[in-house]
Structure formats: structure tokens, C-alpha cells
PDB file of N, CA and C in Angstrom:
ATOM      1  N   UNK A   1      55.440  94.224  83.039  1.00  0.00           N
ATOM      2  CA  UNK A   1      55.027  95.486  83.613  1.00  0.00           C
ATOM      3  C   UNK A   1      54.076  95.227  84.779  1.00  0.00           C
ATOM      4  N   UNK A   2      54.280  95.977  85.818  1.00  0.00           N
ATOM      5  CA  UNK A   2      53.423  95.893  86.994  1.00  0.00           C
ATOM      6  C   UNK A   2      52.361  96.986  86.904  1.00  0.00           C
ATOM      7  N   UNK A   3      51.314  96.823  87.672  1.00  0.00           N
ATOM      8  CA  UNK A   3      50.227  97.801  87.691  1.00  0.00           C
ATOM      9  C   UNK A   3      50.302  98.628  88.962  1.00  0.00           C
ATOM     10  N   UNK A   4      50.023  99.908  88.818  1.00  0.00           N
ATOM     11  CA  UNK A   4      49.978 100.817  89.966  1.00  0.00           C
ATOM     12  C   UNK A   4      48.749 100.473  90.808  1.00  0.00           C
ATOM     13  N   UNK A   5      48.888 100.281  92.124  1.00  0.00           N
ATOM     14  CA  UNK A   5      47.715  99.963  92.943  1.00  0.00           C
ATOM     15  C   UNK A   5      46.758 101.145  93.102  1.00  0.00           C
ATOM     16  N   UNK A   6      47.213 102.363  92.866  1.00  0.00           N
ATOM     17  CA  UNK A   6      46.350 103.538  93.021  1.00  0.00           C
ATOM     18  C   UNK A   6      45.479 103.782  91.789  1.00  0.00           C
ATOM     19  N   UNK A   7      46.076 103.708  90.584  1.00  0.00           N
ATOM     20  CA  UNK A   7      45.321 104.073  89.385  1.00  0.00           C
ATOM     21  C   UNK A   7      45.203 102.936  88.375  1.00  0.00           C
ATOM     22  N   UNK A   8      45.944 101.849  88.540  1.00  0.00           N
ATOM     23  CA  UNK A   8      45.858 100.722  87.616  1.00  0.00           C
ATOM     24  C   UNK A   8      46.668 100.906  86.344  1.00  0.00           C
ATOM     25  N   UNK A   9      47.465 101.950  86.254  1.00  0.00           N
ATOM     26  CA  UNK A   9      48.288 102.221  85.081  1.00  0.00           C
ATOM     27  C   UNK A   9      49.529 101.329  85.107  1.00  0.00           C
ATOM     28  N   UNK A  10      50.042 100.940  83.943  1.00  0.00           N
ATOM     29  CA  UNK A  10      51.248 100.125  83.870  1.00  0.00           C
ATOM     30  C   UNK A  10      52.460 100.941  84.304  1.00  0.00           C
ATOM     31  N   UNK A  11      53.301 100.314  85.138  1.00  0.00           N
ATOM     32  CA  UNK A  11      54.502 100.961  85.653  1.00  0.00           C
ATOM     33  C   UNK A  11      55.691 100.086  85.291  1.00  0.00           C
ATOM     34  N   UNK A  12      56.701 100.694  84.703  1.00  0.00           N
ATOM     35  CA  UNK A  12      57.917  99.960  84.367  1.00  0.00           C
ATOM     36  C   UNK A  12      58.761  99.842  85.632  1.00  0.00           C
ATOM     37  N   UNK A  13      59.061  98.610  86.029  1.00  0.00           N
ATOM     38  CA  UNK A  13      59.809  98.377  87.255  1.00  0.00           C
ATOM     39  C   UNK A  13      61.279  98.129  86.938  1.00  0.00           C
ATOM     40  N   UNK A  14      62.165  98.589  87.816  1.00  0.00           N
ATOM     41  CA  UNK A  14      63.599  98.348  87.607  1.00  0.00           C
ATOM     42  C   UNK A  14      63.979  96.917  87.988  1.00  0.00           C
ATOM     43  N   UNK A  15      65.228  96.554  87.718  1.00  0.00           N
ATOM     44  CA  UNK A  15      65.752  95.254  88.127  1.00  0.00           C
ATOM     45  C   UNK A  15      65.671  95.168  89.647  1.00  0.00           C
ATOM     46  N   UNK A  16      65.337  93.994  90.184  1.00  0.00           N
ATOM     47  CA  UNK A  16      65.042  93.896  91.611  1.00  0.00           C
ATOM     48  C   UNK A  16      66.262  94.146  92.510  1.00  0.00           C
ATOM     49  N   UNK A  17      67.469  94.085  91.984  1.00  0.00           N
ATOM     50  CA  UNK A  17      68.656  94.375  92.793  1.00  0.00           C
ATOM     51  C   UNK A  17      69.086  95.842  92.717  1.00  0.00           C
ATOM     52  N   UNK A  18      68.464  96.644  91.868  1.00  0.00           N
ATOM     53  CA  UNK A  18      68.801  98.060  91.726  1.00  0.00           C
ATOM     54  C   UNK A  18      68.050  98.858  92.801  1.00  0.00           C
ATOM     55  N   UNK A  19      68.641  98.943  93.994  1.00  0.00           N
ATOM     56  CA  UNK A  19      67.960  99.569  95.129  1.00  0.00           C
ATOM     57  C   UNK A  19      67.765 101.070  94.948  1.00  0.00           C
ATOM     58  N   UNK A  20      68.664 101.732  94.248  1.00  0.00           N
ATOM     59  CA  UNK A  20      68.530 103.169  94.024  1.00  0.00           C
ATOM     60  C   UNK A  20      67.290 103.466  93.171  1.00  0.00           C
ATOM     61  N   UNK A  21      67.080 102.687  92.129  1.00  0.00           N
ATOM     62  CA  UNK A  21      65.908 102.899  91.277  1.00  0.00           C
ATOM     63  C   UNK A  21      64.621 102.562  92.018  1.00  0.00           C
ATOM     64  N   UNK A  22      64.660 101.562  92.888  1.00  0.00           N
ATOM     65  CA  UNK A  22      63.456 101.212  93.652  1.00  0.00           C
ATOM     66  C   UNK A  22      63.111 102.298  94.660  1.00  0.00           C
ATOM     67  N   UNK A  23      64.105 102.996  95.188  1.00  0.00           N
ATOM     68  CA  UNK A  23      63.810 104.041  96.170  1.00  0.00           C
ATOM     69  C   UNK A  23      63.154 105.260  95.523  1.00  0.00           C
ATOM     70  N   UNK A  24      63.314 105.416  94.203  1.00  0.00           N
ATOM     71  CA  UNK A  24      62.734 106.565  93.501  1.00  0.00           C
ATOM     72  C   UNK A  24      61.554 106.173  92.611  1.00  0.00           C
ATOM     73  N   UNK A  25      61.040 104.956  92.755  1.00  0.00           N
ATOM     74  CA  UNK A  25      59.970 104.482  91.875  1.00  0.00           C
ATOM     75  C   UNK A  25      58.661 105.216  92.157  1.00  0.00           C
ATOM     76  N   UNK A  26      58.029 105.694  91.091  1.00  0.00           N
ATOM     77  CA  UNK A  26      56.724 106.332  91.206  1.00  0.00           C
ATOM     78  C   UNK A  26      55.934 106.075  89.924  1.00  0.00           C
ATOM     79  N   UNK A  27      54.625 106.188  90.035  1.00  0.00           N
ATOM     80  CA  UNK A  27      53.749 105.976  88.885  1.00  0.00           C
ATOM     81  C   UNK A  27      53.832 107.197  87.968  1.00  0.00           C
ATOM     82  N   UNK A  28      54.029 106.995  86.659  1.00  0.00           N
ATOM     83  CA  UNK A  28      54.102 108.157  85.767  1.00  0.00           C
ATOM     84  C   UNK A  28      52.749 108.845  85.574  1.00  0.00           C
ATOM     85  N   UNK A  29      51.661 108.128  85.829  1.00  0.00           N
ATOM     86  CA  UNK A  29      50.325 108.685  85.624  1.00  0.00           C
ATOM     87  C   UNK A  29      49.866 109.524  86.824  1.00  0.00           C
ATOM     88  N   UNK A  30      49.846 108.905  88.025  1.00  0.00           N
ATOM     89  CA  UNK A  30      49.293 109.594  89.195  1.00  0.00           C
ATOM     90  C   UNK A  30      50.353 110.083  90.170  1.00  0.00           C
ATOM     91  N   UNK A  31      51.635 109.829  89.875  1.00  0.00           N
ATOM     92  CA  UNK A  31      52.777 110.279  90.680  1.00  0.00           C
ATOM     93  C   UNK A  31      52.788 109.687  92.092  1.00  0.00           C
ATOM     94  N   UNK A  32      52.121 108.544  92.306  1.00  0.00           N
ATOM     95  CA  UNK A  32      52.139 107.884  93.606  1.00  0.00           C
ATOM     96  C   UNK A  32      53.493 107.215  93.800  1.00  0.00           C
ATOM     97  N   UNK A  33      54.039 107.325  95.006  1.00  0.00           N
ATOM     98  CA  UNK A  33      55.316 106.666  95.306  1.00  0.00           C
ATOM     99  C   UNK A  33      55.047 105.191  95.576  1.00  0.00           C
ATOM    100  N   UNK A  34      55.833 104.320  94.937  1.00  0.00           N
ATOM    101  CA  UNK A  34      55.586 102.890  95.008  1.00  0.00           C
ATOM    102  C   UNK A  34      56.794 102.149  95.551  1.00  0.00           C
ATOM    103  N   UNK A  35      56.541 100.944  96.072  1.00  0.00           N
ATOM    104  CA  UNK A  35      57.597 100.049  96.507  1.00  0.00           C
ATOM    105  C   UNK A  35      57.178  98.611  96.215  1.00  0.00           C
ATOM    106  N   UNK A  36      58.148  97.692  96.208  1.00  0.00           N
ATOM    107  CA  UNK A  36      57.873  96.301  95.891  1.00  0.00           C
ATOM    108  C   UNK A  36      57.355  95.581  97.130  1.00  0.00           C
ATOM    109  N   UNK A  37      56.310  94.778  96.943  1.00  0.00           N
ATOM    110  CA  UNK A  37      55.844  93.926  98.020  1.00  0.00           C
ATOM    111  C   UNK A  37      56.861  92.814  98.224  1.00  0.00           C
ATOM    112  N   UNK A  38      57.042  92.363  99.452  1.00  0.00           N
ATOM    113  CA  UNK A  38      57.983  91.254  99.655  1.00  0.00           C
ATOM    114  C   UNK A  38      57.456  89.981  98.982  1.00  0.00           C
ATOM    115  N   UNK A  39      58.346  89.186  98.389  1.00  0.00           N
ATOM    116  CA  UNK A  39      57.892  87.971  97.711  1.00  0.00           C
ATOM    117  C   UNK A  39      57.310  86.968  98.701  1.00  0.00           C
ATOM    118  N   UNK A  40      56.243  86.301  98.290  1.00  0.00           N
ATOM    119  CA  UNK A  40      55.575  85.336  99.155  1.00  0.00           C
ATOM    120  C   UNK A  40      56.325  84.022  99.247  1.00  0.00           C
ATOM    121  N   UNK A  41      57.164  83.720  98.267  1.00  0.00           N
ATOM    122  CA  UNK A  41      57.842  82.426  98.265  1.00  0.00           C
ATOM    123  C   UNK A  41      58.991  82.357  99.260  1.00  0.00           C
ATOM    124  N   UNK A  42      59.324  83.456  99.919  1.00  0.00           N
ATOM    125  CA  UNK A  42      60.359  83.447 100.942  1.00  0.00           C
ATOM    126  C   UNK A  42      59.921  82.582 102.122  1.00  0.00           C
ATOM    127  N   UNK A  43      58.615  82.411 102.283  1.00  0.00           N
ATOM    128  CA  UNK A  43      58.079  81.603 103.370  1.00  0.00           C
ATOM    129  C   UNK A  43      58.557  80.153 103.252  1.00  0.00           C
ATOM    130  N   UNK A  44      58.818  79.686 102.044  1.00  0.00           N
ATOM    131  CA  UNK A  44      59.267  78.310 101.852  1.00  0.00           C
ATOM    132  C   UNK A  44      60.733  78.114 102.221  1.00  0.00           C
ATOM    133  N   UNK A  45      61.489  79.175 102.351  1.00  0.00           N
ATOM    134  CA  UNK A  45      62.918  79.085 102.643  1.00  0.00           C
ATOM    135  C   UNK A  45      63.256  78.367 103.941  1.00  0.00           C
ATOM    136  N   UNK A  46      62.622  78.710 105.070  1.00  0.00           N
ATOM    137  CA  UNK A  46      62.961  78.018 106.316  1.00  0.00           C
ATOM    138  C   UNK A  46      62.608  76.526 106.312  1.00  0.00           C
ATOM    139  N   UNK A  47      61.789  76.096 105.407  1.00  0.00           N
ATOM    140  CA  UNK A  47      61.454  74.670 105.333  1.00  0.00           C
ATOM    141  C   UNK A  47      62.561  73.851 104.680  1.00  0.00           C
ATOM    142  N   UNK A  48      63.454  74.498 103.945  1.00  0.00           N
ATOM    143  CA  UNK A  48      64.501  73.754 103.238  1.00  0.00           C
ATOM    144  C   UNK A  48      65.527  73.163 104.194  1.00  0.00           C
ATOM    145  N   UNK A  49      65.924  73.881 105.215  1.00  0.00           N
ATOM    146  CA  UNK A  49      66.939  73.394 106.143  1.00  0.00           C
ATOM    147  C   UNK A  49      66.576  72.073 106.801  1.00  0.00           C
ATOM    148  N   UNK A  50      65.411  71.998 107.451  1.00  0.00           N
ATOM    149  CA  UNK A  50      65.042  70.722 108.062  1.00  0.00           C
ATOM    150  C   UNK A  50      64.874  69.584 107.048  1.00  0.00           C
ATOM    151  N   UNK A  51      64.432  69.910 105.850  1.00  0.00           N
ATOM    152  CA  UNK A  51      64.286  68.840 104.856  1.00  0.00           C
ATOM    153  C   UNK A  51      65.634  68.294 104.415  1.00  0.00           C
ATOM    154  N   UNK A  52      66.660  69.134 104.372  1.00  0.00           N
ATOM    155  CA  UNK A  52      67.976  68.624 104.006  1.00  0.00           C
ATOM    156  C   UNK A  52      68.548  67.754 105.123  1.00  0.00           C
ATOM    157  N   UNK A  53      68.175  68.030 106.367  1.00  0.00           N
ATOM    158  CA  UNK A  53      68.581  67.142 107.457  1.00  0.00           C
ATOM    159  C   UNK A  53      67.842  65.811 107.330  1.00  0.00           C
ATOM    160  N   UNK A  54      66.560  65.877 107.003  1.00  0.00           N
ATOM    161  CA  UNK A  54      65.791  64.642 106.806  1.00  0.00           C
ATOM    162  C   UNK A  54      66.240  63.883 105.557  1.00  0.00           C
ATOM    163  N   UNK A  55      66.844  64.577 104.600  1.00  0.00           N
ATOM    164  CA  UNK A  55      67.280  63.924 103.365  1.00  0.00           C
ATOM    165  C   UNK A  55      68.335  62.863 103.637  1.00  0.00           C
ATOM    166  N   UNK A  56      69.002  62.956 104.759  1.00  0.00           N
ATOM    167  CA  UNK A  56      70.000  61.949 105.106  1.00  0.00           C
ATOM    168  C   UNK A  56      69.354  60.659 105.596  1.00  0.00           C
ATOM    169  N   UNK A  57      68.032  60.690 105.814  1.00  0.00           N
ATOM    170  CA  UNK A  57      67.334  59.508 106.326  1.00  0.00           C
ATOM    171  C   UNK A  57      66.898  58.558 105.224  1.00  0.00           C
ATOM    172  N   UNK A  58      66.825  59.014 104.000  1.00  0.00           N
ATOM    173  CA  UNK A  58      66.411  58.121 102.928  1.00  0.00           C
ATOM    174  C   UNK A  58      66.286  58.837 101.604  1.00  0.00           C
ATOM    175  N   UNK A  59      66.116  58.029 100.579  1.00  0.00           N
ATOM    176  CA  UNK A  59      66.047  58.537  99.212  1.00  0.00           C
ATOM    177  C   UNK A  59      64.800  59.389  98.981  1.00  0.00           C
ATOM    178  N   UNK A  60      63.683  59.027  99.583  1.00  0.00           N
ATOM    179  CA  UNK A  60      62.425  59.760  99.385  1.00  0.00           C
ATOM    180  C   UNK A  60      62.548  61.184  99.924  1.00  0.00           C
ATOM    181  N   UNK A  61      63.092  61.320 101.128  1.00  0.00           N
ATOM    182  CA  UNK A  61      63.258  62.649 101.704  1.00  0.00           C
ATOM    183  C   UNK A  61      64.258  63.479 100.903  1.00  0.00           C
ATOM    184  N   UNK A  62      65.257  62.825 100.341  1.00  0.00           N
ATOM    185  CA  UNK A  62      66.243  63.527  99.523  1.00  0.00           C
ATOM    186  C   UNK A  62      65.597  64.109  98.272  1.00  0.00           C
ATOM    187  N   UNK A  63      64.753  63.333  97.632  1.00  0.00           N
ATOM    188  CA  UNK A  63      64.051  63.806  96.432  1.00  0.00           C
ATOM    189  C   UNK A  63      63.105  64.945  96.785  1.00  0.00           C
ATOM    190  N   UNK A  64      62.401  64.824  97.912  1.00  0.00           N
ATOM    191  CA  UNK A  64      61.475  65.878  98.343  1.00  0.00           C
ATOM    192  C   UNK A  64      62.243  67.167  98.647  1.00  0.00           C
ATOM    193  N   UNK A  65      63.402  67.045  99.309  1.00  0.00           N
ATOM    194  CA  UNK A  65      64.197  68.232  99.655  1.00  0.00           C
ATOM    195  C   UNK A  65      64.699  68.944  98.407  1.00  0.00           C
ATOM    196  N   UNK A  66      65.203  68.189  97.440  1.00  0.00           N
ATOM    197  CA  UNK A  66      65.686  68.825  96.213  1.00  0.00           C
ATOM    198  C   UNK A  66      64.543  69.420  95.397  1.00  0.00           C
ATOM    199  N   UNK A  67      63.405  68.763  95.369  1.00  0.00           N
ATOM    200  CA  UNK A  67      62.257  69.312  94.642  1.00  0.00           C
ATOM    201  C   UNK A  67      61.801  70.625  95.276  1.00  0.00           C
ATOM    202  N   UNK A  68      61.731  70.648  96.614  1.00  0.00           N
ATOM    203  CA  UNK A  68      61.319  71.877  97.298  1.00  0.00           C
ATOM    204  C   UNK A  68      62.331  72.996  97.066  1.00  0.00           C
ATOM    205  N   UNK A  69      63.617  72.662  97.029  1.00  0.00           N
ATOM    206  CA  UNK A  69      64.642  73.669  96.781  1.00  0.00           C
ATOM    207  C   UNK A  69      64.465  74.283  95.393  1.00  0.00           C
ATOM    208  N   UNK A  70      64.269  73.445  94.373  1.00  0.00           N
ATOM    209  CA  UNK A  70      64.107  73.966  93.022  1.00  0.00           C
ATOM    210  C   UNK A  70      62.811  74.754  92.866  1.00  0.00           C
ATOM    211  N   UNK A  71      61.738  74.313  93.512  1.00  0.00           N
ATOM    212  CA  UNK A  71      60.471  75.052  93.445  1.00  0.00           C
ATOM    213  C   UNK A  71      60.621  76.419  94.109  1.00  0.00           C
ATOM    214  N   UNK A  72      61.301  76.473  95.261  1.00  0.00           N
ATOM    215  CA  UNK A  72      61.488  77.745  95.965  1.00  0.00           C
ATOM    216  C   UNK A  72      62.315  78.717  95.131  1.00  0.00           C
ATOM    217  N   UNK A  73      63.406  78.233  94.545  1.00  0.00           N
ATOM    218  CA  UNK A  73      64.252  79.105  93.717  1.00  0.00           C
ATOM    219  C   UNK A  73      63.494  79.576  92.482  1.00  0.00           C
ATOM    220  N   UNK A  74      62.728  78.676  91.851  1.00  0.00           N
ATOM    221  CA  UNK A  74      61.942  79.054  90.678  1.00  0.00           C
ATOM    222  C   UNK A  74      60.896  80.113  91.035  1.00  0.00           C
ATOM    223  N   UNK A  75      60.211  79.942  92.161  1.00  0.00           N
ATOM    224  CA  UNK A  75      59.196  80.917  92.561  1.00  0.00           C
ATOM    225  C   UNK A  75      59.807  82.272  92.906  1.00  0.00           C
ATOM    226  N   UNK A  76      60.983  82.272  93.542  1.00  0.00           N
ATOM    227  CA  UNK A  76      61.656  83.544  93.837  1.00  0.00           C
ATOM    228  C   UNK A  76      62.044  84.274  92.557  1.00  0.00           C
ATOM    229  N   UNK A  77      62.578  83.543  91.590  1.00  0.00           N
ATOM    230  CA  UNK A  77      62.939  84.178  90.313  1.00  0.00           C
ATOM    231  C   UNK A  77      61.703  84.661  89.562  1.00  0.00           C
ATOM    232  N   UNK A  78      60.629  83.898  89.611  1.00  0.00           N
ATOM    233  CA  UNK A  78      59.396  84.288  88.935  1.00  0.00           C
ATOM    234  C   UNK A  78      58.805  85.545  89.569  1.00  0.00           C
ATOM    235  N   UNK A  79      58.759  85.581  90.895  1.00  0.00           N
ATOM    236  CA  UNK A  79      58.198  86.758  91.566  1.00  0.00           C
ATOM    237  C   UNK A  79      59.088  87.989  91.433  1.00  0.00           C
ATOM    238  N   UNK A  80      60.397  87.805  91.303  1.00  0.00           N
ATOM    239  CA  UNK A  80      61.265  88.972  91.143  1.00  0.00           C
ATOM    240  C   UNK A  80      61.242  89.509  89.717  1.00  0.00           C
ATOM    241  N   UNK A  81      60.854  88.678  88.752  1.00  0.00           N
ATOM    242  CA  UNK A  81      60.772  89.181  87.383  1.00  0.00           C
ATOM    243  C   UNK A  81      59.484  89.969  87.148  1.00  0.00           C
ATOM    244  N   UNK A  82      58.422  89.653  87.866  1.00  0.00           N
ATOM    245  CA  UNK A  82      57.159  90.393  87.777  1.00  0.00           C
ATOM    246  C   UNK A  82      56.710  90.784  89.178  1.00  0.00           C
ATOM    247  N   UNK A  83      57.351  91.796  89.785  1.00  0.00           N
ATOM    248  CA  UNK A  83      57.048  92.127  91.189  1.00  0.00           C
ATOM    249  C   UNK A  83      55.681  92.781  91.338  1.00  0.00           C
ATOM    250  N   UNK A  84      55.090  92.564  92.482  1.00  0.00           N
ATOM    251  CA  UNK A  84      53.850  93.244  92.855  1.00  0.00           C
ATOM    252  C   UNK A  84      54.236  94.549  93.542  1.00  0.00           C
ATOM    253  N   UNK A  85      53.420  95.574  93.345  1.00  0.00           N
ATOM    254  CA  UNK A  85      53.714  96.892  93.902  1.00  0.00           C
ATOM    255  C   UNK A  85      52.703  97.267  94.970  1.00  0.00           C
ATOM    256  N   UNK A  86      53.145  98.088  95.900  1.00  0.00           N
ATOM    257  CA  UNK A  86      52.251  98.665  96.897  1.00  0.00           C
ATOM    258  C   UNK A  86      52.624 100.126  97.086  1.00  0.00           C
ATOM    259  N   UNK A  87      51.703 100.903  97.636  1.00  0.00           N
ATOM    260  CA  UNK A  87      51.976 102.313  97.884  1.00  0.00           C
ATOM    261  C   UNK A  87      53.001 102.435  98.998  1.00  0.00           C
ATOM    262  N   UNK A  88      53.965 103.346  98.813  1.00  0.00           N
ATOM    263  CA  UNK A  88      55.007 103.543  99.824  1.00  0.00           C
ATOM    264  C   UNK A  88      54.394 104.246 101.024  1.00  0.00           C
ATOM    265  N   UNK A  89      54.691 103.717 102.171  1.00  0.00           N
ATOM    266  CA  UNK A  89      54.183 104.323 103.398  1.00  0.00           C
ATOM    267  C   UNK A  89      55.016 105.559 103.718  1.00  0.00           C
ATOM    268  N   UNK A  90      54.353 106.607 104.082  1.00  0.00           N
ATOM    269  CA  UNK A  90      55.047 107.854 104.388  1.00  0.00           C
ATOM    270  C   UNK A  90      55.806 107.706 105.711  1.00  0.00           C
ATOM    271  N   UNK A  91      56.974 108.322 105.817  1.00  0.00           N
ATOM    272  CA  UNK A  91      57.712 108.255 107.089  1.00  0.00           C
ATOM    273  C   UNK A  91      56.983 109.060 108.161  1.00  0.00           C
ATOM    274  N   UNK A  92      57.211 108.700 109.396  1.00  0.00           N
ATOM    275  CA  UNK A  92      56.581 109.413 110.499  1.00  0.00           C
ATOM    276  C   UNK A  92      57.072 110.860 110.524  1.00  0.00           C
ATOM    277  N   UNK A  93      56.189 111.805 110.886  1.00  0.00           N
ATOM    278  CA  UNK A  93      56.617 113.207 110.929  1.00  0.00           C
ATOM    279  C   UNK A  93      57.636 113.416 112.045  1.00  0.00           C
ATOM    280  N   UNK A  94      58.547 114.368 111.823  1.00  0.00           N
ATOM    281  CA  UNK A  94      59.548 114.672 112.841  1.00  0.00           C
ATOM    282  C   UNK A  94      58.883 115.489 113.947  1.00  0.00           C
ATOM    283  N   UNK A  95      59.284 115.255 115.184  1.00  0.00           N
ATOM    284  CA  UNK A  95      58.646 115.977 116.295  1.00  0.00           C
ATOM    285  C   UNK A  95      58.975 117.472 116.253  1.00  0.00           C
ATOM    286  N   UNK A  96      58.012 118.286 116.682  1.00  0.00           N
ATOM    287  CA  UNK A  96      58.202 119.734 116.691  1.00  0.00           C
ATOM    288  C   UNK A  96      59.111 120.163 117.838  1.00  0.00           C
ATOM    289  N   UNK A  97      59.077 119.419 118.946  1.00  0.00           N
ATOM    290  CA  UNK A  97      59.904 119.736 120.111  1.00  0.00           C
ATOM    291  C   UNK A  97      60.934 118.628 120.256  1.00  0.00           C
ATOM    292  N   UNK A  98      62.194 119.013 120.362  1.00  0.00           N
ATOM    293  CA  UNK A  98      63.269 118.021 120.515  1.00  0.00           C
ATOM    294  C   UNK A  98      63.844 118.164 121.922  1.00  0.00           C
ATOM    295  N   UNK A  99      63.844 117.054 122.661  1.00  0.00           N
ATOM    296  CA  UNK A  99      64.358 117.075 124.025  1.00  0.00           C
ATOM    297  C   UNK A  99      65.880 116.925 123.994  1.00  0.00           C
ATOM    298  N   UNK A 100      66.549 117.768 124.743  1.00  0.00           N
ATOM    299  CA  UNK A 100      67.997 117.717 124.854  1.00  0.00           C
ATOM    300  C   UNK A 100      68.334 117.038 126.186  1.00  0.00           C
ATOM    301  N   UNK A 101      68.291 115.733 126.234  1.00  0.00           N
ATOM    302  CA  UNK A 101      68.473 115.001 127.480  1.00  0.00           C
ATOM    303  C   UNK A 101      69.926 114.997 127.923  1.00  0.00           C
ATOM    304  N   UNK A 102      70.858 114.854 126.977  1.00  0.00           N
ATOM    305  CA  UNK A 102      72.268 114.773 127.326  1.00  0.00           C
ATOM    306  C   UNK A 102      72.915 116.130 127.555  1.00  0.00           C
ATOM    307  N   UNK A 103      72.225 117.189 127.267  1.00  0.00           N
ATOM    308  CA  UNK A 103      72.804 118.527 127.391  1.00  0.00           C
ATOM    309  C   UNK A 103      72.867 119.001 128.837  1.00  0.00           C
ATOM    310  N   UNK A 104      73.435 120.183 129.047  1.00  0.00           N
ATOM    311  CA  UNK A 104      73.543 120.720 130.428  1.00  0.00           C
ATOM    312  C   UNK A 104      72.173 121.115 130.958  1.00  0.00           C
ATOM    313  N   UNK A 105      71.978 120.897 132.236  1.00  0.00           N
ATOM    314  CA  UNK A 105      70.710 121.281 132.870  1.00  0.00           C
ATOM    315  C   UNK A 105      70.814 122.713 133.385  1.00  0.00           C
ATOM    316  N   UNK A 106      69.706 123.444 133.380  1.00  0.00           N
ATOM    317  CA  UNK A 106      69.696 124.837 133.844  1.00  0.00           C
ATOM    318  C   UNK A 106      69.136 124.935 135.214  1.00  0.00           C
TER     319      UNK A 106
END
């Protein structure tokens, strides 16, 4: 269970691939609209590509590349099973005046 950042109440989170449930997630206590924070372990992803190229240079680099790959996958699964929540940012208000640029001129 994750905690609501507004009131600290436990919030039951849906499966991380269920996008419909995530779009409607709210705290049952304070009714704040919530969303999942992006996982921090995604930062390790771009490091895997160059390490696999270096893995062709020797056994040590190969072991380091595979270890980093398994650590990155493990951290992604760990963070997706217990996601951190943040308050959903409200969409920008719609403008009161709408310009008709493509329409006929008077």
C-alpha cells in the first residue's frame, strides 16, 4: 500500500499496467487525485547499451554489463510493485476567448 502525499492515509494502488485505473486513482480519505511518480531506476537504462558494447572487450565488462542489467530489471520490478504517489497536477484552464484564425475574415 502506498501513502497519500496529502493526508498520509494508505491508498490501494492498481497494477502498474492498468492505465484506466491509474487515471481515476484518488485517496479515499481526502479525495485528492493521485498519480504514480516515475520510477527512479529508469535512469540506469541508458547505461546498459554502452556496457553491452564494452562487454565485447573482455570478461570483466561482460560480467559488469549483465550485473547492471539484472539490477536495473530488479529495481524496476521493485518500484512498480510499491509505487510512490504524487498529487495530480490540474490541467491548464481553457481560454475564455478562442481565436478563429482559419475562418473567413470580415
